[in-house]
Amino acid sequence: MNTVKKIYADMPEIINVPKEFIHRKGEVIIILDEAVPKKASFLKDFYGSIPDFPERAPQGDFEERVPL
């Protein structure tokens, strides 16, 4: 039995198979990792969590460095 395992961080619309697998009997199993939130819902979860950033205090002057 020949097998191929491929893990996608971003599932493509079309999954290519090796040439030697084309037109042969086979089985495709897709297991989604539900622990990773979708990007859209992930951003919506944090949108508005910090209503306004506080004002930054003065950071001072840059230190003088010896050129390399």
C-alpha atoms as a PDB file:
ATOM      1  CA  MET A   1       0.000   0.000   0.000  1.00  0.00           C
ATOM      2  CA  ASN A   2       1.324   3.435  -0.942  1.00  0.00           C
ATOM      3  CA  THR A   3       0.458   6.304   1.385  1.00  0.00           C
ATOM      4  CA  VAL A   4       0.926  10.048   1.396  1.00  0.00           C
ATOM      5  CA  LYS A   5       0.380  12.242   4.445  1.00  0.00           C
ATOM      6  CA  LYS A   6       0.208  16.006   4.060  1.00  0.00           C
ATOM      7  CA  ILE A   7      -0.677  18.503   6.809  1.00  0.00           C
ATOM      8  CA  TYR A   8      -1.959  21.876   5.635  1.00  0.00           C
ATOM      9  CA  ALA A   9      -1.898  25.006   7.805  1.00  0.00           C
ATOM     10  CA  ASP A  10      -4.287  26.560   5.263  1.00  0.00           C
ATOM     11  CA  MET A  11      -6.383  23.988   3.378  1.00  0.00           C
ATOM     12  CA  PRO A  12      -6.326  24.640  -0.399  1.00  0.00           C
ATOM     13  CA  GLU A  13      -9.426  24.438  -2.586  1.00  0.00           C
ATOM     14  CA  ILE A  14      -7.845  21.673  -4.692  1.00  0.00           C
ATOM     15  CA  ILE A  15      -5.653  18.893  -3.328  1.00  0.00           C
ATOM     16  CA  ASN A  16      -3.181  17.461  -5.824  1.00  0.00           C
ATOM     17  CA  VAL A  17      -2.256  13.787  -5.723  1.00  0.00           C
ATOM     18  CA  PRO A  18       0.931  12.137  -7.014  1.00  0.00           C
ATOM     19  CA  LYS A  19       0.834  11.071 -10.683  1.00  0.00           C
ATOM     20  CA  GLU A  20       1.136   7.382  -9.811  1.00  0.00           C
ATOM     21  CA  PHE A  21      -2.118   7.616  -7.778  1.00  0.00           C
ATOM     22  CA  ILE A  22      -4.247   9.071 -10.599  1.00  0.00           C
ATOM     23  CA  HIS A  23      -7.000   6.790 -12.008  1.00  0.00           C
ATOM     24  CA  ARG A  24      -6.534   4.206  -9.254  1.00  0.00           C
ATOM     25  CA  LYS A  25      -8.806   3.126  -6.445  1.00  0.00           C
ATOM     26  CA  GLY A  26      -8.039   5.030  -3.248  1.00  0.00           C
ATOM     27  CA  GLU A  27      -9.412   6.579  -0.107  1.00  0.00           C
ATOM     28  CA  VAL A  28      -9.168  10.218   1.014  1.00  0.00           C
ATOM     29  CA  ILE A  29      -9.669  11.111   4.678  1.00  0.00           C
ATOM     30  CA  ILE A  30      -9.829  14.747   5.802  1.00  0.00           C
ATOM     31  CA  ILE A  31      -9.584  15.464   9.523  1.00  0.00           C
ATOM     32  CA  LEU A  32      -9.974  19.099  10.521  1.00  0.00           C
ATOM     33  CA  ASP A  33      -8.134  20.380  13.577  1.00  0.00           C
ATOM     34  CA  GLU A  34     -10.951  22.160  15.380  1.00  0.00           C
ATOM     35  CA  ALA A  35      -8.609  23.344  18.149  1.00  0.00           C
ATOM     36  CA  VAL A  36      -7.278  26.066  15.835  1.00  0.00           C
ATOM     37  CA  PRO A  37      -9.805  28.906  15.513  1.00  0.00           C
ATOM     38  CA  LYS A  38     -10.629  30.318  12.102  1.00  0.00           C
ATOM     39  CA  LYS A  39      -8.905  33.599  11.320  1.00  0.00           C
ATOM     40  CA  ALA A  40     -12.140  35.555  10.937  1.00  0.00           C
ATOM     41  CA  SER A  41     -13.639  34.404  14.233  1.00  0.00           C
ATOM     42  CA  PHE A  42     -10.267  34.708  15.964  1.00  0.00           C
ATOM     43  CA  LEU A  43     -10.019  38.395  15.039  1.00  0.00           C
ATOM     44  CA  LYS A  44     -13.642  39.023  15.958  1.00  0.00           C
ATOM     45  CA  ASP A  45     -13.009  37.519  19.397  1.00  0.00           C
ATOM     46  CA  PHE A  46     -10.401  40.187  20.153  1.00  0.00           C
ATOM     47  CA  TYR A  47     -11.887  43.133  18.268  1.00  0.00           C
ATOM     48  CA  GLY A  48     -12.697  45.901  20.737  1.00  0.00           C
ATOM     49  CA  SER A  49     -11.128  44.139  23.728  1.00  0.00           C
ATOM     50  CA  ILE A  50      -8.951  47.220  24.356  1.00  0.00           C
ATOM     51  CA  PRO A  51     -11.223  50.218  23.783  1.00  0.00           C
ATOM     52  CA  ASP A  52      -8.453  52.843  23.831  1.00  0.00           C
ATOM     53  CA  PHE A  53      -4.733  52.580  24.268  1.00  0.00           C
ATOM     54  CA  PRO A  54      -3.387  54.691  27.143  1.00  0.00           C
ATOM     55  CA  GLU A  55      -1.148  57.635  26.316  1.00  0.00           C
ATOM     56  CA  ARG A  56       2.536  56.747  26.322  1.00  0.00           C
ATOM     57  CA  ALA A  57       4.869  58.600  28.610  1.00  0.00           C
ATOM     58  CA  PRO A  58       7.942  60.244  27.030  1.00  0.00           C
ATOM     59  CA  GLN A  59      10.512  57.594  26.156  1.00  0.00           C
ATOM     60  CA  GLY A  60      13.585  59.796  26.463  1.00  0.00           C
ATOM     61  CA  ASP A  61      16.406  60.239  23.963  1.00  0.00           C
ATOM     62  CA  PHE A  62      18.159  57.447  22.086  1.00  0.00           C
ATOM     63  CA  GLU A  63      21.440  56.394  23.617  1.00  0.00           C
ATOM     64  CA  GLU A  64      24.609  57.188  21.716  1.00  0.00           C
ATOM     65  CA  ARG A  65      26.359  54.070  20.428  1.00  0.00           C
ATOM     66  CA  VAL A  66      29.891  53.577  19.216  1.00  0.00           C
ATOM     67  CA  PRO A  67      29.888  52.781  15.473  1.00  0.00           C
ATOM     68  CA  LEU A  68      31.004  49.260  14.571  1.00  0.00           C
END
